[in-house]
PDB file of N, CA and C in Angstrom:
ATOM      1  N   UNK A   1      40.712 -17.838 -12.535  1.00  0.00           N
ATOM      2  CA  UNK A   1      41.236 -19.141 -12.193  1.00  0.00           C
ATOM      3  C   UNK A   1      42.705 -19.205 -12.622  1.00  0.00           C
ATOM      4  N   UNK A   2      43.490 -19.757 -11.750  1.00  0.00           N
ATOM      5  CA  UNK A   2      44.901 -19.891 -12.119  1.00  0.00           C
ATOM      6  C   UNK A   2      45.153 -21.307 -12.626  1.00  0.00           C
ATOM      7  N   UNK A   3      46.255 -21.479 -13.298  1.00  0.00           N
ATOM      8  CA  UNK A   3      46.589 -22.783 -13.871  1.00  0.00           C
ATOM      9  C   UNK A   3      47.295 -23.683 -12.880  1.00  0.00           C
ATOM     10  N   UNK A   4      47.593 -23.189 -11.663  1.00  0.00           N
ATOM     11  CA  UNK A   4      48.271 -23.981 -10.651  1.00  0.00           C
ATOM     12  C   UNK A   4      47.322 -24.975  -9.975  1.00  0.00           C
ATOM     13  N   UNK A   5      46.041 -24.836 -10.212  1.00  0.00           N
ATOM     14  CA  UNK A   5      45.061 -25.674  -9.525  1.00  0.00           C
ATOM     15  C   UNK A   5      45.028 -27.070 -10.117  1.00  0.00           C
ATOM     16  N   UNK A   6      44.843 -28.049  -9.248  1.00  0.00           N
ATOM     17  CA  UNK A   6      44.709 -29.420  -9.705  1.00  0.00           C
ATOM     18  C   UNK A   6      43.293 -29.677 -10.164  1.00  0.00           C
ATOM     19  N   UNK A   7      42.969 -30.886 -10.603  1.00  0.00           N
ATOM     20  CA  UNK A   7      41.637 -31.187 -11.122  1.00  0.00           C
ATOM     21  C   UNK A   7      40.538 -31.037 -10.075  1.00  0.00           C
ATOM     22  N   UNK A   8      40.794 -31.408  -8.832  1.00  0.00           N
ATOM     23  CA  UNK A   8      39.752 -31.268  -7.809  1.00  0.00           C
ATOM     24  C   UNK A   8      39.526 -29.815  -7.455  1.00  0.00           C
ATOM     25  N   UNK A   9      40.592 -29.029  -7.408  1.00  0.00           N
ATOM     26  CA  UNK A   9      40.441 -27.608  -7.101  1.00  0.00           C
ATOM     27  C   UNK A   9      39.694 -26.886  -8.215  1.00  0.00           C
ATOM     28  N   UNK A  10      39.959 -27.251  -9.451  1.00  0.00           N
ATOM     29  CA  UNK A  10      39.253 -26.624 -10.583  1.00  0.00           C
ATOM     30  C   UNK A  10      37.768 -26.960 -10.524  1.00  0.00           C
ATOM     31  N   UNK A  11      37.479 -28.199 -10.184  1.00  0.00           N
ATOM     32  CA  UNK A  11      36.069 -28.618 -10.090  1.00  0.00           C
ATOM     33  C   UNK A  11      35.366 -27.827  -8.990  1.00  0.00           C
ATOM     34  N   UNK A  12      36.020 -27.699  -7.850  1.00  0.00           N
ATOM     35  CA  UNK A  12      35.431 -26.934  -6.750  1.00  0.00           C
ATOM     36  C   UNK A  12      35.219 -25.475  -7.142  1.00  0.00           C
ATOM     37  N   UNK A  13      36.206 -24.911  -7.831  1.00  0.00           N
ATOM     38  CA  UNK A  13      36.101 -23.504  -8.256  1.00  0.00           C
ATOM     39  C   UNK A  13      34.947 -23.321  -9.230  1.00  0.00           C
ATOM     40  N   UNK A  14      34.759 -24.251 -10.149  1.00  0.00           N
ATOM     41  CA  UNK A  14      33.639 -24.179 -11.096  1.00  0.00           C
ATOM     42  C   UNK A  14      32.300 -24.271 -10.368  1.00  0.00           C
ATOM     43  N   UNK A  15      32.234 -25.173  -9.396  1.00  0.00           N
ATOM     44  CA  UNK A  15      30.983 -25.328  -8.641  1.00  0.00           C
ATOM     45  C   UNK A  15      30.655 -24.060  -7.856  1.00  0.00           C
ATOM     46  N   UNK A  16      31.681 -23.453  -7.274  1.00  0.00           N
ATOM     47  CA  UNK A  16      31.447 -22.202  -6.541  1.00  0.00           C
ATOM     48  C   UNK A  16      30.961 -21.099  -7.481  1.00  0.00           C
ATOM     49  N   UNK A  17      31.586 -20.979  -8.625  1.00  0.00           N
ATOM     50  CA  UNK A  17      31.187 -19.958  -9.599  1.00  0.00           C
ATOM     51  C   UNK A  17      29.764 -20.221 -10.065  1.00  0.00           C
ATOM     52  N   UNK A  18      29.424 -21.452 -10.343  1.00  0.00           N
ATOM     53  CA  UNK A  18      28.065 -21.798 -10.767  1.00  0.00           C
ATOM     54  C   UNK A  18      27.054 -21.474  -9.670  1.00  0.00           C
ATOM     55  N   UNK A  19      27.433 -21.767  -8.421  1.00  0.00           N
ATOM     56  CA  UNK A  19      26.565 -21.464  -7.297  1.00  0.00           C
ATOM     57  C   UNK A  19      26.340 -19.968  -7.156  1.00  0.00           C
ATOM     58  N   UNK A  20      27.409 -19.180  -7.319  1.00  0.00           N
ATOM     59  CA  UNK A  20      27.277 -17.719  -7.230  1.00  0.00           C
ATOM     60  C   UNK A  20      26.362 -17.192  -8.320  1.00  0.00           C
ATOM     61  N   UNK A  21      26.522 -17.699  -9.548  1.00  0.00           N
ATOM     62  CA  UNK A  21      25.658 -17.258 -10.643  1.00  0.00           C
ATOM     63  C   UNK A  21      24.201 -17.613 -10.372  1.00  0.00           C
ATOM     64  N   UNK A  22      23.962 -18.790  -9.813  1.00  0.00           N
ATOM     65  CA  UNK A  22      22.598 -19.198  -9.511  1.00  0.00           C
ATOM     66  C   UNK A  22      21.941 -18.306  -8.459  1.00  0.00           C
ATOM     67  N   UNK A  23      22.722 -17.936  -7.447  1.00  0.00           N
ATOM     68  CA  UNK A  23      22.179 -17.061  -6.404  1.00  0.00           C
ATOM     69  C   UNK A  23      21.869 -15.681  -6.959  1.00  0.00           C
ATOM     70  N   UNK A  24      22.768 -15.147  -7.784  1.00  0.00           N
ATOM     71  CA  UNK A  24      22.513 -13.806  -8.322  1.00  0.00           C
ATOM     72  C   UNK A  24      21.350 -13.836  -9.303  1.00  0.00           C
ATOM     73  N   UNK A  25      21.205 -14.927 -10.050  1.00  0.00           N
ATOM     74  CA  UNK A  25      20.064 -15.062 -10.952  1.00  0.00           C
ATOM     75  C   UNK A  25      18.766 -15.134 -10.153  1.00  0.00           C
ATOM     76  N   UNK A  26      18.794 -15.852  -9.046  1.00  0.00           N
ATOM     77  CA  UNK A  26      17.608 -15.965  -8.181  1.00  0.00           C
ATOM     78  C   UNK A  26      17.214 -14.626  -7.607  1.00  0.00           C
ATOM     79  N   UNK A  27      18.204 -13.864  -7.144  1.00  0.00           N
ATOM     80  CA  UNK A  27      17.924 -12.530  -6.608  1.00  0.00           C
ATOM     81  C   UNK A  27      17.328 -11.626  -7.680  1.00  0.00           C
ATOM     82  N   UNK A  28      17.883 -11.715  -8.874  1.00  0.00           N
ATOM     83  CA  UNK A  28      17.375 -10.902  -9.981  1.00  0.00           C
ATOM     84  C   UNK A  28      15.928 -11.252 -10.270  1.00  0.00           C
ATOM     85  N   UNK A  29      15.607 -12.549 -10.302  1.00  0.00           N
ATOM     86  CA  UNK A  29      14.239 -12.958 -10.589  1.00  0.00           C
ATOM     87  C   UNK A  29      13.284 -12.518  -9.486  1.00  0.00           C
ATOM     88  N   UNK A  30      13.721 -12.558  -8.244  1.00  0.00           N
ATOM     89  CA  UNK A  30      12.878 -12.101  -7.145  1.00  0.00           C
ATOM     90  C   UNK A  30      12.587 -10.613  -7.285  1.00  0.00           C
ATOM     91  N   UNK A  31      13.608  -9.819  -7.576  1.00  0.00           N
ATOM     92  CA  UNK A  31      13.391  -8.377  -7.740  1.00  0.00           C
ATOM     93  C   UNK A  31      12.567  -8.070  -8.981  1.00  0.00           C
ATOM     94  N   UNK A  32      12.753  -8.844 -10.041  1.00  0.00           N
ATOM     95  CA  UNK A  32      11.939  -8.660 -11.235  1.00  0.00           C
ATOM     96  C   UNK A  32      10.476  -8.948 -10.934  1.00  0.00           C
ATOM     97  N   UNK A  33      10.217 -10.011 -10.191  1.00  0.00           N
ATOM     98  CA  UNK A  33       8.844 -10.347  -9.816  1.00  0.00           C
ATOM     99  C   UNK A  33       8.242  -9.252  -8.941  1.00  0.00           C
ATOM    100  N   UNK A  34       9.015  -8.732  -8.003  1.00  0.00           N
ATOM    101  CA  UNK A  34       8.508  -7.644  -7.148  1.00  0.00           C
ATOM    102  C   UNK A  34       8.177  -6.411  -7.979  1.00  0.00           C
ATOM    103  N   UNK A  35       9.019  -6.091  -8.957  1.00  0.00           N
ATOM    104  CA  UNK A  35       8.775  -4.938  -9.808  1.00  0.00           C
ATOM    105  C   UNK A  35       7.509  -5.118 -10.633  1.00  0.00           C
ATOM    106  N   UNK A  36       7.311  -6.325 -11.154  1.00  0.00           N
ATOM    107  CA  UNK A  36       6.098  -6.607 -11.961  1.00  0.00           C
ATOM    108  C   UNK A  36       4.851  -6.493 -11.102  1.00  0.00           C
ATOM    109  N   UNK A  37       4.901  -7.018  -9.864  1.00  0.00           N
ATOM    110  CA  UNK A  37       3.739  -6.932  -8.961  1.00  0.00           C
ATOM    111  C   UNK A  37       3.455  -5.469  -8.625  1.00  0.00           C
ATOM    112  N   UNK A  38       4.490  -4.702  -8.319  1.00  0.00           N
ATOM    113  CA  UNK A  38       4.275  -3.288  -7.981  1.00  0.00           C
ATOM    114  C   UNK A  38       3.685  -2.518  -9.156  1.00  0.00           C
ATOM    115  N   UNK A  39       4.161  -2.780 -10.367  1.00  0.00           N
ATOM    116  CA  UNK A  39       3.625  -2.112 -11.552  1.00  0.00           C
ATOM    117  C   UNK A  39       2.172  -2.517 -11.796  1.00  0.00           C
ATOM    118  N   UNK A  40       1.848  -3.772 -11.546  1.00  0.00           N
ATOM    119  CA  UNK A  40       0.470  -4.242 -11.721  1.00  0.00           C
ATOM    120  C   UNK A  40      -0.466  -3.575 -10.723  1.00  0.00           C
ATOM    121  N   UNK A  41      -0.032  -3.484  -9.468  1.00  0.00           N
ATOM    122  CA  UNK A  41      -0.861  -2.829  -8.443  1.00  0.00           C
ATOM    123  C   UNK A  41      -1.055  -1.353  -8.793  1.00  0.00           C
ATOM    124  N   UNK A  42      -0.008  -0.701  -9.246  1.00  0.00           N
ATOM    125  CA  UNK A  42      -0.116   0.703  -9.639  1.00  0.00           C
ATOM    126  C   UNK A  42      -1.091   0.891 -10.789  1.00  0.00           C
ATOM    127  N   UNK A  43      -0.992   0.026 -11.805  1.00  0.00           N
ATOM    128  CA  UNK A  43      -1.892   0.112 -12.967  1.00  0.00           C
ATOM    129  C   UNK A  43      -3.330  -0.157 -12.553  1.00  0.00           C
ATOM    130  N   UNK A  44      -3.536  -1.115 -11.660  1.00  0.00           N
ATOM    131  CA  UNK A  44      -4.894  -1.401 -11.190  1.00  0.00           C
ATOM    132  C   UNK A  44      -5.454  -0.198 -10.423  1.00  0.00           C
ATOM    133  N   UNK A  45      -4.628   0.447  -9.620  1.00  0.00           N
ATOM    134  CA  UNK A  45      -5.069   1.645  -8.904  1.00  0.00           C
ATOM    135  C   UNK A  45      -5.451   2.772  -9.845  1.00  0.00           C
ATOM    136  N   UNK A  46      -4.656   2.969 -10.889  1.00  0.00           N
ATOM    137  CA  UNK A  46      -5.002   3.986 -11.881  1.00  0.00           C
ATOM    138  C   UNK A  46      -6.320   3.664 -12.567  1.00  0.00           C
ATOM    139  N   UNK A  47      -6.521   2.397 -12.915  1.00  0.00           N
ATOM    140  CA  UNK A  47      -7.741   1.997 -13.594  1.00  0.00           C
ATOM    141  C   UNK A  47      -8.967   2.226 -12.721  1.00  0.00           C
ATOM    142  N   UNK A  48      -8.858   1.858 -11.442  1.00  0.00           N
ATOM    143  CA  UNK A  48      -9.987   2.060 -10.514  1.00  0.00           C
ATOM    144  C   UNK A  48     -10.244   3.552 -10.342  1.00  0.00           C
ATOM    145  N   UNK A  49      -9.200   4.351 -10.208  1.00  0.00           N
ATOM    146  CA  UNK A  49      -9.393   5.793 -10.049  1.00  0.00           C
ATOM    147  C   UNK A  49     -10.071   6.429 -11.254  1.00  0.00           C
ATOM    148  N   UNK A  50      -9.658   6.012 -12.437  1.00  0.00           N
ATOM    149  CA  UNK A  50     -10.289   6.555 -13.638  1.00  0.00           C
ATOM    150  C   UNK A  50     -11.742   6.106 -13.774  1.00  0.00           C
ATOM    151  N   UNK A  51     -12.013   4.865 -13.397  1.00  0.00           N
ATOM    152  CA  UNK A  51     -13.402   4.359 -13.471  1.00  0.00           C
ATOM    153  C   UNK A  51     -14.301   5.115 -12.498  1.00  0.00           C
ATOM    154  N   UNK A  52     -13.798   5.374 -11.313  1.00  0.00           N
ATOM    155  CA  UNK A  52     -14.601   6.131 -10.335  1.00  0.00           C
ATOM    156  C   UNK A  52     -14.811   7.571 -10.791  1.00  0.00           C
ATOM    157  N   UNK A  53     -13.787   8.130 -11.405  1.00  0.00           N
ATOM    158  CA  UNK A  53     -13.899   9.513 -11.880  1.00  0.00           C
ATOM    159  C   UNK A  53     -14.888   9.622 -13.035  1.00  0.00           C
ATOM    160  N   UNK A  54     -14.900   8.674 -13.921  1.00  0.00           N
ATOM    161  CA  UNK A  54     -15.772   8.750 -15.086  1.00  0.00           C
ATOM    162  C   UNK A  54     -17.213   8.376 -14.765  1.00  0.00           C
ATOM    163  N   UNK A  55     -17.441   7.672 -13.670  1.00  0.00           N
ATOM    164  CA  UNK A  55     -18.806   7.277 -13.326  1.00  0.00           C
ATOM    165  C   UNK A  55     -19.475   8.269 -12.388  1.00  0.00           C
ATOM    166  N   UNK A  56     -18.941   9.477 -12.297  1.00  0.00           N
ATOM    167  CA  UNK A  56     -19.497  10.459 -11.376  1.00  0.00           C
ATOM    168  C   UNK A  56     -20.786  11.093 -11.890  1.00  0.00           C
ATOM    169  N   UNK A  57     -21.244  10.716 -13.037  1.00  0.00           N
ATOM    170  CA  UNK A  57     -22.502  11.243 -13.559  1.00  0.00           C
ATOM    171  C   UNK A  57     -22.273  12.212 -14.704  1.00  0.00           C
ATOM    172  N   UNK A  58     -23.212  13.103 -14.878  1.00  0.00           N
ATOM    173  CA  UNK A  58     -23.144  14.018 -16.009  1.00  0.00           C
ATOM    174  C   UNK A  58     -22.216  15.196 -15.768  1.00  0.00           C
ATOM    175  N   UNK A  59     -21.737  15.328 -14.554  1.00  0.00           N
ATOM    176  CA  UNK A  59     -20.827  16.424 -14.271  1.00  0.00           C
ATOM    177  C   UNK A  59     -21.535  17.673 -13.771  1.00  0.00           C
ATOM    178  N   UNK A  60     -22.850  17.679 -13.736  1.00  0.00           N
ATOM    179  CA  UNK A  60     -23.588  18.821 -13.207  1.00  0.00           C
ATOM    180  C   UNK A  60     -23.462  18.855 -11.689  1.00  0.00           C
ATOM    181  N   UNK A  61     -23.433  20.051 -11.147  1.00  0.00           N
ATOM    182  CA  UNK A  61     -23.368  20.204  -9.705  1.00  0.00           C
ATOM    183  C   UNK A  61     -24.767  20.318  -9.155  1.00  0.00           C
ATOM    184  N   UNK A  62     -25.051  19.553  -8.128  1.00  0.00           N
ATOM    185  CA  UNK A  62     -26.364  19.582  -7.493  1.00  0.00           C
ATOM    186  C   UNK A  62     -26.181  20.189  -6.109  1.00  0.00           C
ATOM    187  N   UNK A  63     -26.728  21.397  -5.917  1.00  0.00           N
ATOM    188  CA  UNK A  63     -26.571  22.108  -4.654  1.00  0.00           C
ATOM    189  C   UNK A  63     -27.934  22.236  -4.001  1.00  0.00           C
ATOM    190  N   UNK A  64     -28.004  21.869  -2.725  1.00  0.00           N
ATOM    191  CA  UNK A  64     -29.243  21.991  -1.959  1.00  0.00           C
ATOM    192  C   UNK A  64     -29.042  23.070  -0.907  1.00  0.00           C
ATOM    193  N   UNK A  65     -29.991  24.023  -0.845  1.00  0.00           N
ATOM    194  CA  UNK A  65     -29.910  25.109   0.115  1.00  0.00           C
ATOM    195  C   UNK A  65     -31.080  24.975   1.070  1.00  0.00           C
ATOM    196  N   UNK A  66     -30.756  24.935   2.354  1.00  0.00           N
ATOM    197  CA  UNK A  66     -31.811  24.868   3.370  1.00  0.00           C
ATOM    198  C   UNK A  66     -31.581  25.979   4.378  1.00  0.00           C
ATOM    199  N   UNK A  67     -32.656  26.579   4.815  1.00  0.00           N
ATOM    200  CA  UNK A  67     -32.573  27.630   5.833  1.00  0.00           C
ATOM    201  C   UNK A  67     -33.039  27.055   7.145  1.00  0.00           C
ATOM    202  N   UNK A  68     -32.217  27.148   8.150  1.00  0.00           N
ATOM    203  CA  UNK A  68     -32.578  26.636   9.472  1.00  0.00           C
ATOM    204  C   UNK A  68     -33.160  27.787  10.296  1.00  0.00           C
ATOM    205  N   UNK A  69     -34.227  27.487  10.980  1.00  0.00           N
ATOM    206  CA  UNK A  69     -34.836  28.488  11.837  1.00  0.00           C
ATOM    207  C   UNK A  69     -34.327  28.308  13.249  1.00  0.00           C
ATOM    208  N   UNK A  70     -34.034  29.432  13.879  1.00  0.00           N
ATOM    209  CA  UNK A  70     -33.539  29.402  15.237  1.00  0.00           C
ATOM    210  C   UNK A  70     -34.739  29.312  16.181  1.00  0.00           C
ATOM    211  N   UNK A  71     -34.736  28.343  17.029  1.00  0.00           N
ATOM    212  CA  UNK A  71     -35.802  28.211  18.026  1.00  0.00           C
ATOM    213  C   UNK A  71     -35.153  28.114  19.391  1.00  0.00           C
ATOM    214  N   UNK A  72     -35.864  28.556  20.381  1.00  0.00           N
ATOM    215  CA  UNK A  72     -35.348  28.447  21.745  1.00  0.00           C
ATOM    216  C   UNK A  72     -35.962  27.238  22.401  1.00  0.00           C
ATOM    217  N   UNK A  73     -35.156  26.545  23.130  1.00  0.00           N
ATOM    218  CA  UNK A  73     -35.641  25.382  23.863  1.00  0.00           C
ATOM    219  C   UNK A  73     -35.902  25.776  25.303  1.00  0.00           C
ATOM    220  N   UNK A  74     -36.978  25.336  25.813  1.00  0.00           N
ATOM    221  CA  UNK A  74     -37.266  25.601  27.221  1.00  0.00           C
ATOM    222  C   UNK A  74     -36.550  24.560  28.051  1.00  0.00           C
ATOM    223  N   UNK A  75     -35.869  24.981  29.086  1.00  0.00           N
ATOM    224  CA  UNK A  75     -35.112  24.009  29.878  1.00  0.00           C
ATOM    225  C   UNK A  75     -36.045  23.054  30.618  1.00  0.00           C
ATOM    226  N   UNK A  76     -35.592  21.852  30.754  1.00  0.00           N
ATOM    227  CA  UNK A  76     -36.325  20.863  31.533  1.00  0.00           C
ATOM    228  C   UNK A  76     -36.102  21.149  33.003  1.00  0.00           C
ATOM    229  N   UNK A  77     -36.517  20.247  33.858  1.00  0.00           N
ATOM    230  CA  UNK A  77     -36.342  20.439  35.302  1.00  0.00           C
ATOM    231  C   UNK A  77     -34.860  20.448  35.633  1.00  0.00           C
ATOM    232  N   UNK A  78     -34.446  21.382  36.509  1.00  0.00           N
ATOM    233  CA  UNK A  78     -33.064  21.502  36.915  1.00  0.00           C
ATOM    234  C   UNK A  78     -32.873  20.733  38.218  1.00  0.00           C
ATOM    235  N   UNK A  79     -31.811  19.913  38.268  1.00  0.00           N
ATOM    236  CA  UNK A  79     -31.527  19.121  39.478  1.00  0.00           C
ATOM    237  C   UNK A  79     -30.124  19.497  39.952  1.00  0.00           C
ATOM    238  N   UNK A  80     -29.995  19.734  41.273  1.00  0.00           N
ATOM    239  CA  UNK A  80     -28.706  20.046  41.847  1.00  0.00           C
ATOM    240  C   UNK A  80     -28.254  18.867  42.700  1.00  0.00           C
ATOM    241  N   UNK A  81     -27.015  18.434  42.502  1.00  0.00           N
ATOM    242  CA  UNK A  81     -26.481  17.301  43.264  1.00  0.00           C
ATOM    243  C   UNK A  81     -25.336  17.834  44.102  1.00  0.00           C
ATOM    244  N   UNK A  82     -25.378  17.575  45.408  1.00  0.00           N
ATOM    245  CA  UNK A  82     -24.335  18.027  46.322  1.00  0.00           C
ATOM    246  C   UNK A  82     -23.638  16.808  46.891  1.00  0.00           C
ATOM    247  N   UNK A  83     -22.303  16.806  46.823  1.00  0.00           N
ATOM    248  CA  UNK A  83     -21.533  15.679  47.337  1.00  0.00           C
ATOM    249  C   UNK A  83     -20.650  16.207  48.442  1.00  0.00           C
ATOM    250  N   UNK A  84     -20.654  15.518  49.582  1.00  0.00           N
ATOM    251  CA  UNK A  84     -19.805  15.938  50.685  1.00  0.00           C
ATOM    252  C   UNK A  84     -18.551  15.070  50.706  1.00  0.00           C
ATOM    253  N   UNK A  85     -17.456  15.674  51.148  1.00  0.00           N
ATOM    254  CA  UNK A  85     -16.184  14.932  51.244  1.00  0.00           C
ATOM    255  C   UNK A  85     -16.150  14.163  52.555  1.00  0.00           C
ATOM    256  N   UNK A  86     -15.823  12.898  52.586  1.00  0.00           N
ATOM    257  CA  UNK A  86     -15.767  12.140  53.835  1.00  0.00           C
ATOM    258  C   UNK A  86     -14.562  12.463  54.671  1.00  0.00           C
TER     259      UNK A  86
END
């Protein structure tokens, strides 16, 4: 601020500066809130992942082995369809 300004100009300059500070404070608070929400979602995801991992049981592997027998299928009735071009 320069000293050449009259009382009304000084008042306007102060109001502008106050307005700029308010806007930058608001932006900061919005970004801070976004950061807090993102960190909370990340922490919740980690907690769910760990809970699912720890509830997988005793850790033993259960393997089932089945042998499939090959069988031949007898074909059903065969139908031939002929289409002529008009």
